[in-house]
N, C-alpha and C. Protein backbone atom coordinates (compact mmCIF):
# COMPACT_ATOMS: atom_id res chain seq x y z
N UNK A 1 -61.43 -107.51 155.28
CA UNK A 1 -62.13 -107.90 154.07
C UNK A 1 -61.10 -107.97 152.95
N UNK A 2 -61.08 -109.07 152.24
CA UNK A 2 -60.10 -109.25 151.17
C UNK A 2 -60.53 -108.47 149.93
N UNK A 3 -59.54 -108.19 149.10
CA UNK A 3 -59.81 -107.46 147.86
C UNK A 3 -60.72 -108.25 146.93
N UNK A 4 -60.51 -109.56 146.84
CA UNK A 4 -61.34 -110.41 145.97
C UNK A 4 -62.80 -110.38 146.43
N UNK A 5 -63.03 -110.46 147.73
CA UNK A 5 -64.39 -110.40 148.27
C UNK A 5 -65.03 -109.06 147.93
N UNK A 6 -64.27 -107.99 148.11
CA UNK A 6 -64.78 -106.65 147.83
C UNK A 6 -65.14 -106.51 146.35
N UNK A 7 -64.32 -107.04 145.45
CA UNK A 7 -64.59 -106.95 144.02
C UNK A 7 -65.84 -107.76 143.66
N UNK A 8 -66.01 -108.95 144.25
CA UNK A 8 -67.22 -109.74 144.00
C UNK A 8 -68.46 -109.00 144.51
N UNK A 9 -68.32 -108.34 145.66
CA UNK A 9 -69.43 -107.57 146.22
C UNK A 9 -69.82 -106.44 145.27
N UNK A 10 -68.84 -105.71 144.75
CA UNK A 10 -69.14 -104.62 143.82
C UNK A 10 -69.79 -105.14 142.54
N UNK A 11 -69.29 -106.25 142.04
CA UNK A 11 -69.87 -106.83 140.83
C UNK A 11 -71.32 -107.25 141.07
N UNK A 12 -71.59 -107.91 142.17
CA UNK A 12 -72.96 -108.33 142.49
C UNK A 12 -73.87 -107.12 142.67
N UNK A 13 -73.39 -106.09 143.34
CA UNK A 13 -74.20 -104.89 143.56
C UNK A 13 -74.52 -104.20 142.24
N UNK A 14 -73.55 -104.14 141.34
CA UNK A 14 -73.81 -103.48 140.05
C UNK A 14 -74.78 -104.29 139.20
N UNK A 15 -74.69 -105.61 139.23
CA UNK A 15 -75.62 -106.45 138.47
C UNK A 15 -77.03 -106.30 139.02
N UNK A 16 -77.18 -106.33 140.35
CA UNK A 16 -78.50 -106.19 140.96
C UNK A 16 -79.10 -104.82 140.70
N UNK A 17 -78.30 -103.77 140.76
CA UNK A 17 -78.85 -102.44 140.51
C UNK A 17 -79.24 -102.27 139.05
N UNK A 18 -78.49 -102.87 138.14
CA UNK A 18 -78.84 -102.80 136.72
C UNK A 18 -80.13 -103.58 136.45
N UNK A 19 -80.33 -104.66 137.16
CA UNK A 19 -81.55 -105.46 136.96
C UNK A 19 -82.79 -104.71 137.44
N UNK A 20 -82.61 -103.80 138.37
CA UNK A 20 -83.75 -103.04 138.90
C UNK A 20 -84.19 -101.92 137.97
N UNK A 21 -83.37 -101.55 137.00
CA UNK A 21 -83.71 -100.48 136.07
C UNK A 21 -84.69 -100.98 135.02
N UNK A 22 -85.53 -100.11 134.50
CA UNK A 22 -86.44 -100.54 133.44
C UNK A 22 -85.67 -100.97 132.20
N UNK A 23 -86.21 -101.91 131.47
CA UNK A 23 -85.52 -102.43 130.29
C UNK A 23 -85.34 -101.35 129.23
N UNK A 24 -86.34 -100.54 129.01
CA UNK A 24 -86.26 -99.48 128.02
C UNK A 24 -86.83 -98.20 128.62
N UNK A 25 -85.98 -97.22 128.85
CA UNK A 25 -86.53 -95.97 129.39
C UNK A 25 -87.44 -95.29 128.37
N UNK A 26 -88.47 -94.63 128.86
CA UNK A 26 -89.40 -93.94 127.97
C UNK A 26 -88.68 -92.80 127.26
N UNK A 27 -88.87 -92.71 125.98
CA UNK A 27 -88.28 -91.63 125.22
C UNK A 27 -89.27 -90.47 125.18
N UNK A 28 -88.76 -89.30 124.92
CA UNK A 28 -89.62 -88.11 124.88
C UNK A 28 -90.68 -88.23 123.79
N UNK A 29 -90.35 -88.91 122.68
CA UNK A 29 -91.32 -88.99 121.58
C UNK A 29 -92.32 -90.14 121.76
N UNK A 30 -92.20 -90.94 122.84
CA UNK A 30 -93.20 -91.98 123.09
C UNK A 30 -94.59 -91.37 123.28
N UNK A 31 -94.65 -90.23 123.95
CA UNK A 31 -95.93 -89.56 124.15
C UNK A 31 -96.53 -89.09 122.84
N UNK A 32 -95.68 -88.59 121.96
CA UNK A 32 -96.16 -88.17 120.64
C UNK A 32 -96.68 -89.36 119.85
N UNK A 33 -95.98 -90.48 119.94
CA UNK A 33 -96.43 -91.70 119.26
C UNK A 33 -97.77 -92.16 119.82
N UNK A 34 -97.92 -92.14 121.14
CA UNK A 34 -99.17 -92.55 121.77
C UNK A 34 -100.30 -91.61 121.37
N UNK A 35 -100.01 -90.31 121.33
CA UNK A 35 -101.02 -89.33 120.91
C UNK A 35 -101.45 -89.60 119.47
N UNK A 36 -100.48 -89.82 118.59
CA UNK A 36 -100.81 -90.09 117.19
C UNK A 36 -101.70 -91.32 117.07
N UNK A 37 -101.39 -92.35 117.82
CA UNK A 37 -102.13 -93.61 117.72
C UNK A 37 -103.55 -93.49 118.28
N UNK A 38 -103.72 -92.78 119.38
CA UNK A 38 -105.03 -92.77 120.05
C UNK A 38 -105.86 -91.52 119.80
N UNK A 39 -105.21 -90.41 119.43
CA UNK A 39 -105.93 -89.13 119.45
C UNK A 39 -105.94 -88.37 118.13
N UNK A 40 -104.84 -88.44 117.41
CA UNK A 40 -104.66 -87.53 116.29
C UNK A 40 -105.66 -87.72 115.15
N UNK A 41 -106.31 -88.86 115.08
CA UNK A 41 -107.32 -89.05 114.04
C UNK A 41 -108.43 -88.01 114.12
N UNK A 42 -108.78 -87.61 115.34
CA UNK A 42 -109.84 -86.61 115.55
C UNK A 42 -109.31 -85.28 116.06
N UNK A 43 -108.19 -85.32 116.76
CA UNK A 43 -107.62 -84.12 117.38
C UNK A 43 -106.26 -83.84 116.75
N UNK A 44 -106.26 -83.12 115.64
CA UNK A 44 -105.03 -82.92 114.87
C UNK A 44 -104.02 -82.01 115.54
N UNK A 45 -104.48 -81.08 116.36
CA UNK A 45 -103.57 -80.09 116.95
C UNK A 45 -103.43 -80.33 118.46
N UNK A 46 -102.34 -80.98 118.90
CA UNK A 46 -102.19 -81.28 120.33
C UNK A 46 -102.07 -80.02 121.19
N UNK A 47 -101.47 -78.96 120.68
CA UNK A 47 -101.33 -77.73 121.47
C UNK A 47 -102.69 -77.12 121.77
N UNK A 48 -103.54 -77.13 120.79
CA UNK A 48 -104.90 -76.58 121.01
C UNK A 48 -105.66 -77.43 122.02
N UNK A 49 -105.54 -78.73 121.89
CA UNK A 49 -106.19 -79.64 122.83
C UNK A 49 -105.61 -79.47 124.23
N UNK A 50 -104.30 -79.29 124.33
CA UNK A 50 -103.64 -79.16 125.63
C UNK A 50 -104.07 -77.91 126.38
N UNK A 51 -104.44 -76.87 125.65
CA UNK A 51 -104.83 -75.60 126.30
C UNK A 51 -106.24 -75.63 126.88
N UNK A 52 -106.97 -76.70 126.70
CA UNK A 52 -108.35 -76.77 127.21
C UNK A 52 -108.42 -76.61 128.73
N UNK A 53 -107.42 -77.06 129.44
CA UNK A 53 -107.40 -76.95 130.91
C UNK A 53 -106.37 -75.93 131.36
N UNK A 54 -106.25 -74.84 130.66
CA UNK A 54 -105.16 -73.89 130.91
C UNK A 54 -105.23 -73.21 132.28
N UNK A 55 -106.40 -73.08 132.88
CA UNK A 55 -106.50 -72.38 134.16
C UNK A 55 -106.17 -73.28 135.34
N UNK A 56 -106.16 -74.56 135.15
CA UNK A 56 -105.93 -75.51 136.23
C UNK A 56 -104.44 -75.68 136.53
N UNK A 57 -104.13 -76.23 137.69
CA UNK A 57 -102.73 -76.55 138.02
C UNK A 57 -102.30 -77.76 137.20
N UNK A 58 -101.00 -78.00 137.13
CA UNK A 58 -100.49 -79.15 136.37
C UNK A 58 -101.05 -80.46 136.91
N UNK A 59 -101.10 -80.59 138.23
CA UNK A 59 -101.63 -81.82 138.82
C UNK A 59 -103.12 -81.99 138.52
N UNK A 60 -103.85 -80.90 138.56
CA UNK A 60 -105.28 -80.95 138.26
C UNK A 60 -105.51 -81.28 136.79
N UNK A 61 -104.72 -80.69 135.91
CA UNK A 61 -104.83 -81.01 134.48
C UNK A 61 -104.56 -82.49 134.24
N UNK A 62 -103.50 -83.00 134.87
CA UNK A 62 -103.14 -84.41 134.68
C UNK A 62 -104.27 -85.32 135.15
N UNK A 63 -104.87 -85.01 136.29
CA UNK A 63 -105.96 -85.82 136.81
C UNK A 63 -107.17 -85.76 135.88
N UNK A 64 -107.47 -84.59 135.35
CA UNK A 64 -108.61 -84.45 134.43
C UNK A 64 -108.38 -85.22 133.14
N UNK A 65 -107.17 -85.07 132.58
CA UNK A 65 -106.86 -85.80 131.34
C UNK A 65 -106.92 -87.30 131.58
N UNK A 66 -106.35 -87.75 132.69
CA UNK A 66 -106.33 -89.18 132.99
C UNK A 66 -107.75 -89.72 133.10
N UNK A 67 -108.60 -89.01 133.82
CA UNK A 67 -109.99 -89.46 133.98
C UNK A 67 -110.72 -89.50 132.64
N UNK A 68 -110.52 -88.50 131.81
CA UNK A 68 -111.19 -88.45 130.53
C UNK A 68 -110.66 -89.55 129.60
N UNK A 69 -109.34 -89.70 129.54
CA UNK A 69 -108.75 -90.67 128.62
C UNK A 69 -109.06 -92.11 129.01
N UNK A 70 -109.33 -92.34 130.28
CA UNK A 70 -109.65 -93.70 130.75
C UNK A 70 -110.82 -94.30 129.96
N UNK A 71 -111.76 -93.45 129.55
CA UNK A 71 -112.93 -93.93 128.80
C UNK A 71 -112.97 -93.37 127.38
N UNK A 72 -111.90 -92.74 126.94
CA UNK A 72 -111.88 -92.09 125.63
C UNK A 72 -110.63 -92.52 124.85
N UNK A 73 -110.60 -93.75 124.42
CA UNK A 73 -109.58 -94.28 123.50
C UNK A 73 -108.21 -94.52 124.11
N UNK A 74 -108.06 -94.46 125.43
CA UNK A 74 -106.75 -94.74 126.04
C UNK A 74 -106.95 -95.45 127.38
N UNK A 75 -107.45 -96.66 127.32
CA UNK A 75 -107.72 -97.39 128.56
C UNK A 75 -106.45 -97.91 129.23
N UNK A 76 -105.36 -98.04 128.48
CA UNK A 76 -104.10 -98.51 129.04
C UNK A 76 -103.45 -97.41 129.88
N UNK A 77 -103.12 -97.68 131.15
CA UNK A 77 -102.56 -96.63 132.02
C UNK A 77 -101.21 -96.08 131.56
N UNK A 78 -100.39 -96.91 130.94
CA UNK A 78 -99.10 -96.44 130.45
C UNK A 78 -99.31 -95.49 129.27
N UNK A 79 -100.18 -95.88 128.37
CA UNK A 79 -100.49 -95.01 127.23
C UNK A 79 -101.08 -93.69 127.71
N UNK A 80 -101.98 -93.74 128.68
CA UNK A 80 -102.56 -92.50 129.23
C UNK A 80 -101.49 -91.60 129.81
N UNK A 81 -100.57 -92.17 130.58
CA UNK A 81 -99.51 -91.37 131.20
C UNK A 81 -98.64 -90.71 130.13
N UNK A 82 -98.34 -91.44 129.08
CA UNK A 82 -97.54 -90.87 127.98
C UNK A 82 -98.28 -89.72 127.30
N UNK A 83 -99.58 -89.92 127.06
CA UNK A 83 -100.37 -88.88 126.40
C UNK A 83 -100.50 -87.65 127.29
N UNK A 84 -100.77 -87.85 128.57
CA UNK A 84 -100.90 -86.72 129.49
C UNK A 84 -99.59 -85.94 129.55
N UNK A 85 -98.46 -86.63 129.62
CA UNK A 85 -97.16 -85.94 129.63
C UNK A 85 -96.94 -85.18 128.33
N UNK A 86 -97.29 -85.80 127.22
CA UNK A 86 -97.14 -85.14 125.92
C UNK A 86 -98.00 -83.89 125.83
N UNK A 87 -99.25 -83.98 126.30
CA UNK A 87 -100.13 -82.81 126.27
C UNK A 87 -99.59 -81.70 127.15
N UNK A 88 -99.05 -82.06 128.29
CA UNK A 88 -98.48 -81.05 129.20
C UNK A 88 -97.28 -80.35 128.55
N UNK A 89 -96.47 -81.12 127.83
CA UNK A 89 -95.31 -80.52 127.14
C UNK A 89 -95.72 -79.75 125.90
N UNK A 90 -96.93 -79.99 125.38
CA UNK A 90 -97.40 -79.31 124.17
C UNK A 90 -98.02 -77.96 124.46
N UNK A 91 -98.24 -77.64 125.70
CA UNK A 91 -98.90 -76.39 126.09
C UNK A 91 -98.10 -75.20 125.62
């Protein structure tokens, strides 16, 4: 295998792997922004809200929040995931 072929292969592999990455990784404060937009008008304290499912496992809490938010001001699945993650970190 020639060096030029190997270099083209590496360049192609790096371009393809970069294309597979999301355009903008989610930032930690995206969940806070989503919470502010969909929830904070009525639920001012996220920590208090997050403690509502304190006895459940993390997976169970996430499923409960997702089911509730689906019909409660967060029908978008990405927004729901951000809010659920934010609530889990607010505990």
